[in-house]
Amino acid sequence: METLEFNVDASANNIRIDRYLADQCPEHSRSYIQKLLKEGMVTLGGKALKANYRLREKDEIEIKIPPAMEP
């Protein structure tokens, strides 16, 4: 499982977490990011976030991306 970490700066203040992560991870769609949020794979201080969470400066976001499933 891949783990990505993001430290939010002032330019991303008050942006929705799903939009921010979609911009930061262009290889993943916004709907996939929202799926990870629903599954509790995106956390702030160990607490799962919802897609409508608004970022604050200095938030430390962690996202866990499971390995791709083989067809």
PDB file of N, CA and C in Angstrom:
ATOM      1  N   MET A   1       0.848  -1.179   0.000  1.00  0.00           N
ATOM      2  CA  MET A   1       0.000   0.000   0.000  1.00  0.00           C
ATOM      3  C   MET A   1       0.891   1.238   0.000  1.00  0.00           C
ATOM      4  N   GLU A   2       0.590   2.137  -0.902  1.00  0.00           N
ATOM      5  CA  GLU A   2       1.333   3.387  -1.016  1.00  0.00           C
ATOM      6  C   GLU A   2       0.741   4.416  -0.060  1.00  0.00           C
ATOM      7  N   THR A   3       1.611   5.161   0.644  1.00  0.00           N
ATOM      8  CA  THR A   3       1.161   6.214   1.544  1.00  0.00           C
ATOM      9  C   THR A   3       1.742   7.542   1.076  1.00  0.00           C
ATOM     10  N   LEU A   4       0.876   8.527   0.901  1.00  0.00           N
ATOM     11  CA  LEU A   4       1.293   9.868   0.514  1.00  0.00           C
ATOM     12  C   LEU A   4       0.972  10.826   1.647  1.00  0.00           C
ATOM     13  N   GLU A   5       1.846  11.802   1.859  1.00  0.00           N
ATOM     14  CA  GLU A   5       1.614  12.803   2.897  1.00  0.00           C
ATOM     15  C   GLU A   5       1.674  14.191   2.281  1.00  0.00           C
ATOM     16  N   PHE A   6       0.775  15.056   2.746  1.00  0.00           N
ATOM     17  CA  PHE A   6       0.714  16.431   2.255  1.00  0.00           C
ATOM     18  C   PHE A   6       0.637  17.384   3.439  1.00  0.00           C
ATOM     19  N   ASN A   7       1.457  18.429   3.395  1.00  0.00           N
ATOM     20  CA  ASN A   7       1.381  19.505   4.376  1.00  0.00           C
ATOM     21  C   ASN A   7       0.741  20.696   3.682  1.00  0.00           C
ATOM     22  N   VAL A   8      -0.402  21.100   4.174  1.00  0.00           N
ATOM     23  CA  VAL A   8      -1.196  22.143   3.531  1.00  0.00           C
ATOM     24  C   VAL A   8      -0.613  23.518   3.841  1.00  0.00           C
ATOM     25  N   ASP A   9      -0.450  24.334   2.801  1.00  0.00           N
ATOM     26  CA  ASP A   9       0.005  25.712   3.011  1.00  0.00           C
ATOM     27  C   ASP A   9      -1.172  26.679   2.852  1.00  0.00           C
ATOM     28  N   ALA A  10      -0.907  27.947   3.058  1.00  0.00           N
ATOM     29  CA  ALA A  10      -1.967  28.962   3.065  1.00  0.00           C
ATOM     30  C   ALA A  10      -2.723  29.042   1.740  1.00  0.00           C
ATOM     31  N   SER A  11      -2.075  28.696   0.633  1.00  0.00           N
ATOM     32  CA  SER A  11      -2.741  28.804  -0.670  1.00  0.00           C
ATOM     33  C   SER A  11      -3.903  27.824  -0.814  1.00  0.00           C
ATOM     34  N   ALA A  12      -3.920  26.760  -0.020  1.00  0.00           N
ATOM     35  CA  ALA A  12      -4.993  25.764  -0.105  1.00  0.00           C
ATOM     36  C   ALA A  12      -6.017  25.920   1.012  1.00  0.00           C
ATOM     37  N   ASN A  13      -5.898  26.974   1.789  1.00  0.00           N
ATOM     38  CA  ASN A  13      -6.808  27.201   2.905  1.00  0.00           C
ATOM     39  C   ASN A  13      -8.261  27.265   2.428  1.00  0.00           C
ATOM     40  N   ASN A  14      -9.143  26.493   3.072  1.00  0.00           N
ATOM     41  CA  ASN A  14     -10.580  26.468   2.827  1.00  0.00           C
ATOM     42  C   ASN A  14     -10.992  25.754   1.531  1.00  0.00           C
ATOM     43  N   ILE A  15     -10.090  25.003   0.921  1.00  0.00           N
ATOM     44  CA  ILE A  15     -10.422  24.198  -0.262  1.00  0.00           C
ATOM     45  C   ILE A  15     -10.881  22.822   0.217  1.00  0.00           C
ATOM     46  N   ARG A  16     -11.858  22.262  -0.481  1.00  0.00           N
ATOM     47  CA  ARG A  16     -12.327  20.908  -0.121  1.00  0.00           C
ATOM     48  C   ARG A  16     -11.202  19.889  -0.310  1.00  0.00           C
ATOM     49  N   ILE A  17     -11.121  18.936   0.612  1.00  0.00           N
ATOM     50  CA  ILE A  17     -10.063  17.930   0.584  1.00  0.00           C
ATOM     51  C   ILE A  17     -10.082  17.112  -0.705  1.00  0.00           C
ATOM     52  N   ASP A  18     -11.257  16.765  -1.212  1.00  0.00           N
ATOM     53  CA  ASP A  18     -11.302  15.949  -2.431  1.00  0.00           C
ATOM     54  C   ASP A  18     -10.747  16.711  -3.630  1.00  0.00           C
ATOM     55  N   ARG A  19     -11.056  17.985  -3.718  1.00  0.00           N
ATOM     56  CA  ARG A  19     -10.537  18.803  -4.824  1.00  0.00           C
ATOM     57  C   ARG A  19      -9.020  18.981  -4.706  1.00  0.00           C
ATOM     58  N   TYR A  20      -8.556  19.255  -3.497  1.00  0.00           N
ATOM     59  CA  TYR A  20      -7.120  19.441  -3.257  1.00  0.00           C
ATOM     60  C   TYR A  20      -6.338  18.182  -3.639  1.00  0.00           C
ATOM     61  N   LEU A  21      -6.790  17.022  -3.172  1.00  0.00           N
ATOM     62  CA  LEU A  21      -6.074  15.787  -3.460  1.00  0.00           C
ATOM     63  C   LEU A  21      -6.133  15.425  -4.939  1.00  0.00           C
ATOM     64  N   ALA A  22      -7.235  15.715  -5.606  1.00  0.00           N
ATOM     65  CA  ALA A  22      -7.334  15.466  -7.047  1.00  0.00           C
ATOM     66  C   ALA A  22      -6.309  16.329  -7.799  1.00  0.00           C
ATOM     67  N   ASP A  23      -6.097  17.559  -7.334  1.00  0.00           N
ATOM     68  CA  ASP A  23      -5.096  18.432  -7.955  1.00  0.00           C
ATOM     69  C   ASP A  23      -3.675  17.945  -7.656  1.00  0.00           C
ATOM     70  N   GLN A  24      -3.450  17.461  -6.446  1.00  0.00           N
ATOM     71  CA  GLN A  24      -2.120  17.008  -6.035  1.00  0.00           C
ATOM     72  C   GLN A  24      -1.750  15.637  -6.620  1.00  0.00           C
ATOM     73  N   CYS A  25      -2.740  14.842  -6.929  1.00  0.00           N
ATOM     74  CA  CYS A  25      -2.529  13.476  -7.450  1.00  0.00           C
ATOM     75  C   CYS A  25      -3.228  13.333  -8.795  1.00  0.00           C
ATOM     76  N   PRO A  26      -2.707  13.958  -9.844  1.00  0.00           N
ATOM     77  CA  PRO A  26      -3.401  13.931 -11.136  1.00  0.00           C
ATOM     78  C   PRO A  26      -3.549  12.532 -11.733  1.00  0.00           C
ATOM     79  N   GLU A  27      -2.782  11.565 -11.234  1.00  0.00           N
ATOM     80  CA  GLU A  27      -2.907  10.198 -11.739  1.00  0.00           C
ATOM     81  C   GLU A  27      -4.148   9.498 -11.205  1.00  0.00           C
ATOM     82  N   HIS A  28      -4.843  10.123 -10.250  1.00  0.00           N
ATOM     83  CA  HIS A  28      -6.075   9.565  -9.683  1.00  0.00           C
ATOM     84  C   HIS A  28      -7.227  10.544  -9.921  1.00  0.00           C
ATOM     85  N   SER A  29      -8.389  10.015 -10.275  1.00  0.00           N
ATOM     86  CA  SER A  29      -9.549  10.869 -10.526  1.00  0.00           C
ATOM     87  C   SER A  29     -10.139  11.375  -9.204  1.00  0.00           C
ATOM     88  N   ARG A  30     -10.907  12.443  -9.298  1.00  0.00           N
ATOM     89  CA  ARG A  30     -11.555  12.978  -8.107  1.00  0.00           C
ATOM     90  C   ARG A  30     -12.547  11.969  -7.526  1.00  0.00           C
ATOM     91  N   SER A  31     -13.219  11.211  -8.381  1.00  0.00           N
ATOM     92  CA  SER A  31     -14.168  10.206  -7.884  1.00  0.00           C
ATOM     93  C   SER A  31     -13.426   9.083  -7.145  1.00  0.00           C
ATOM     94  N   TYR A  32     -12.227   8.727  -7.610  1.00  0.00           N
ATOM     95  CA  TYR A  32     -11.432   7.722  -6.902  1.00  0.00           C
ATOM     96  C   TYR A  32     -10.989   8.259  -5.539  1.00  0.00           C
ATOM     97  N   ILE A  33     -10.590   9.527  -5.501  1.00  0.00           N
ATOM     98  CA  ILE A  33     -10.211  10.165  -4.228  1.00  0.00           C
ATOM     99  C   ILE A  33     -11.404  10.151  -3.276  1.00  0.00           C
ATOM    100  N   GLN A  34     -12.603  10.464  -3.793  1.00  0.00           N
ATOM    101  CA  GLN A  34     -13.807  10.454  -2.957  1.00  0.00           C
ATOM    102  C   GLN A  34     -14.090   9.049  -2.430  1.00  0.00           C
ATOM    103  N   LYS A  35     -13.819   8.022  -3.239  1.00  0.00           N
ATOM    104  CA  LYS A  35     -13.992   6.634  -2.799  1.00  0.00           C
ATOM    105  C   LYS A  35     -13.032   6.330  -1.648  1.00  0.00           C
ATOM    106  N   LEU A  36     -11.781   6.767  -1.769  1.00  0.00           N
ATOM    107  CA  LEU A  36     -10.810   6.560  -0.693  1.00  0.00           C
ATOM    108  C   LEU A  36     -11.245   7.287   0.579  1.00  0.00           C
ATOM    109  N   LEU A  37     -11.807   8.473   0.426  1.00  0.00           N
ATOM    110  CA  LEU A  37     -12.314   9.220   1.584  1.00  0.00           C
ATOM    111  C   LEU A  37     -13.435   8.441   2.271  1.00  0.00           C
ATOM    112  N   LYS A  38     -14.366   7.897   1.500  1.00  0.00           N
ATOM    113  CA  LYS A  38     -15.474   7.122   2.068  1.00  0.00           C
ATOM    114  C   LYS A  38     -14.980   5.877   2.793  1.00  0.00           C
ATOM    115  N   GLU A  39     -13.884   5.306   2.303  1.00  0.00           N
ATOM    116  CA  GLU A  39     -13.338   4.092   2.904  1.00  0.00           C
ATOM    117  C   GLU A  39     -12.416   4.380   4.095  1.00  0.00           C
ATOM    118  N   GLY A  40     -12.253   5.666   4.447  1.00  0.00           N
ATOM    119  CA  GLY A  40     -11.429   6.025   5.592  1.00  0.00           C
ATOM    120  C   GLY A  40      -9.933   5.975   5.330  1.00  0.00           C
ATOM    121  N   MET A  41      -9.547   6.065   4.070  1.00  0.00           N
ATOM    122  CA  MET A  41      -8.133   5.969   3.699  1.00  0.00           C
ATOM    123  C   MET A  41      -7.419   7.328   3.707  1.00  0.00           C
ATOM    124  N   VAL A  42      -8.154   8.398   3.963  1.00  0.00           N
ATOM    125  CA  VAL A  42      -7.570   9.736   4.029  1.00  0.00           C
ATOM    126  C   VAL A  42      -7.766  10.245   5.452  1.00  0.00           C
ATOM    127  N   THR A  43      -6.644  10.563   6.109  1.00  0.00           N
ATOM    128  CA  THR A  43      -6.722  10.935   7.519  1.00  0.00           C
ATOM    129  C   THR A  43      -5.981  12.239   7.822  1.00  0.00           C
ATOM    130  N   LEU A  44      -6.393  12.839   8.915  1.00  0.00           N
ATOM    131  CA  LEU A  44      -5.745  14.019   9.486  1.00  0.00           C
ATOM    132  C   LEU A  44      -5.553  13.702  10.958  1.00  0.00           C
ATOM    133  N   GLY A  45      -4.294  13.539  11.371  1.00  0.00           N
ATOM    134  CA  GLY A  45      -4.024  13.193  12.761  1.00  0.00           C
ATOM    135  C   GLY A  45      -4.637  11.864  13.165  1.00  0.00           C
ATOM    136  N   GLY A  46      -4.711  10.931  12.230  1.00  0.00           N
ATOM    137  CA  GLY A  46      -5.268   9.615  12.508  1.00  0.00           C
ATOM    138  C   GLY A  46      -6.780   9.531  12.415  1.00  0.00           C
ATOM    139  N   LYS A  47      -7.442  10.650  12.169  1.00  0.00           N
ATOM    140  CA  LYS A  47      -8.902  10.677  12.064  1.00  0.00           C
ATOM    141  C   LYS A  47      -9.316  10.738  10.593  1.00  0.00           C
ATOM    142  N   ALA A  48     -10.232   9.841  10.199  1.00  0.00           N
ATOM    143  CA  ALA A  48     -10.709   9.802   8.815  1.00  0.00           C
ATOM    144  C   ALA A  48     -11.467  11.087   8.473  1.00  0.00           C
ATOM    145  N   LEU A  49     -11.270  11.555   7.245  1.00  0.00           N
ATOM    146  CA  LEU A  49     -11.920  12.783   6.777  1.00  0.00           C
ATOM    147  C   LEU A  49     -13.030  12.461   5.800  1.00  0.00           C
ATOM    148  N   LYS A  50     -13.987  13.385   5.699  1.00  0.00           N
ATOM    149  CA  LYS A  50     -15.054  13.290   4.701  1.00  0.00           C
ATOM    150  C   LYS A  50     -14.692  14.182   3.519  1.00  0.00           C
ATOM    151  N   ALA A  51     -15.321  13.925   2.368  1.00  0.00           N
ATOM    152  CA  ALA A  51     -15.004  14.646   1.132  1.00  0.00           C
ATOM    153  C   ALA A  51     -15.277  16.149   1.240  1.00  0.00           C
ATOM    154  N   ASN A  52     -16.172  16.545   2.128  1.00  0.00           N
ATOM    155  CA  ASN A  52     -16.505  17.973   2.231  1.00  0.00           C
ATOM    156  C   ASN A  52     -15.640  18.713   3.263  1.00  0.00           C
ATOM    157  N   TYR A  53     -14.638  18.038   3.832  1.00  0.00           N
ATOM    158  CA  TYR A  53     -13.745  18.702   4.790  1.00  0.00           C
ATOM    159  C   TYR A  53     -13.017  19.845   4.104  1.00  0.00           C
ATOM    160  N   ARG A  54     -12.988  20.997   4.758  1.00  0.00           N
ATOM    161  CA  ARG A  54     -12.286  22.175   4.234  1.00  0.00           C
ATOM    162  C   ARG A  54     -10.908  22.258   4.885  1.00  0.00           C
ATOM    163  N   LEU A  55      -9.885  22.353   4.056  1.00  0.00           N
ATOM    164  CA  LEU A  55      -8.513  22.373   4.545  1.00  0.00           C
ATOM    165  C   LEU A  55      -8.202  23.633   5.334  1.00  0.00           C
ATOM    166  N   ARG A  56      -7.269  23.470   6.252  1.00  0.00           N
ATOM    167  CA  ARG A  56      -6.740  24.600   7.014  1.00  0.00           C
ATOM    168  C   ARG A  56      -5.226  24.593   6.852  1.00  0.00           C
ATOM    169  N   GLU A  57      -4.640  25.767   6.883  1.00  0.00           N
ATOM    170  CA  GLU A  57      -3.187  25.869   6.789  1.00  0.00           C
ATOM    171  C   GLU A  57      -2.542  25.014   7.885  1.00  0.00           C
ATOM    172  N   LYS A  58      -1.483  24.311   7.522  1.00  0.00           N
ATOM    173  CA  LYS A  58      -0.700  23.439   8.407  1.00  0.00           C
ATOM    174  C   LYS A  58      -1.352  22.085   8.686  1.00  0.00           C
ATOM    175  N   ASP A  59      -2.482  21.772   8.031  1.00  0.00           N
ATOM    176  CA  ASP A  59      -3.041  20.420   8.132  1.00  0.00           C
ATOM    177  C   ASP A  59      -2.008  19.450   7.560  1.00  0.00           C
ATOM    178  N   GLU A  60      -1.879  18.292   8.184  1.00  0.00           N
ATOM    179  CA  GLU A  60      -0.996  17.241   7.686  1.00  0.00           C
ATOM    180  C   GLU A  60      -1.878  16.066   7.285  1.00  0.00           C
ATOM    181  N   ILE A  61      -2.062  15.907   5.997  1.00  0.00           N
ATOM    182  CA  ILE A  61      -2.967  14.909   5.437  1.00  0.00           C
ATOM    183  C   ILE A  61      -2.183  13.668   5.026  1.00  0.00           C
ATOM    184  N   GLU A  62      -2.745  12.507   5.334  1.00  0.00           N
ATOM    185  CA  GLU A  62      -2.142  11.242   4.903  1.00  0.00           C
ATOM    186  C   GLU A  62      -3.180  10.485   4.092  1.00  0.00           C
ATOM    187  N   ILE A  63      -2.753   9.973   2.951  1.00  0.00           N
ATOM    188  CA  ILE A  63      -3.648   9.207   2.090  1.00  0.00           C
ATOM    189  C   ILE A  63      -3.000   7.860   1.795  1.00  0.00           C
ATOM    190  N   LYS A  64      -3.763   6.798   1.974  1.00  0.00           N
ATOM    191  CA  LYS A  64      -3.285   5.447   1.694  1.00  0.00           C
ATOM    192  C   LYS A  64      -3.951   4.961   0.422  1.00  0.00           C
ATOM    193  N   ILE A  65      -3.121   4.574  -0.538  1.00  0.00           N
ATOM    194  CA  ILE A  65      -3.627   4.122  -1.830  1.00  0.00           C
ATOM    195  C   ILE A  65      -3.330   2.629  -1.957  1.00  0.00           C
ATOM    196  N   PRO A  66      -4.387   1.810  -1.990  1.00  0.00           N
ATOM    197  CA  PRO A  66      -4.170   0.370  -2.100  1.00  0.00           C
ATOM    198  C   PRO A  66      -3.585   0.001  -3.467  1.00  0.00           C
ATOM    199  N   PRO A  67      -2.890  -1.137  -3.528  1.00  0.00           N
ATOM    200  CA  PRO A  67      -2.341  -1.562  -4.819  1.00  0.00           C
ATOM    201  C   PRO A  67      -3.453  -1.834  -5.822  1.00  0.00           C
ATOM    202  N   ALA A  68      -3.139  -1.635  -7.081  1.00  0.00           N
ATOM    203  CA  ALA A  68      -4.129  -1.865  -8.140  1.00  0.00           C
ATOM    204  C   ALA A  68      -4.506  -3.332  -8.174  1.00  0.00           C
ATOM    205  N   MET A  69      -5.783  -3.588  -8.388  1.00  0.00           N
ATOM    206  CA  MET A  69      -6.262  -4.966  -8.477  1.00  0.00           C
ATOM    207  C   MET A  69      -5.966  -5.519  -9.863  1.00  0.00           C
ATOM    208  N   GLU A  70      -5.543  -6.753  -9.916  1.00  0.00           N
ATOM    209  CA  GLU A  70      -5.296  -7.413 -11.206  1.00  0.00           C
ATOM    210  C   GLU A  70      -6.638  -7.859 -11.796  1.00  0.00           C
ATOM    211  N   PRO A  71      -6.829  -7.709 -13.119  1.00  0.00           N
ATOM    212  CA  PRO A  71      -8.104  -8.128 -13.722  1.00  0.00           C
ATOM    213  C   PRO A  71      -8.284  -9.631 -13.710  1.00  0.00           C
TER     214      PRO A  71
END
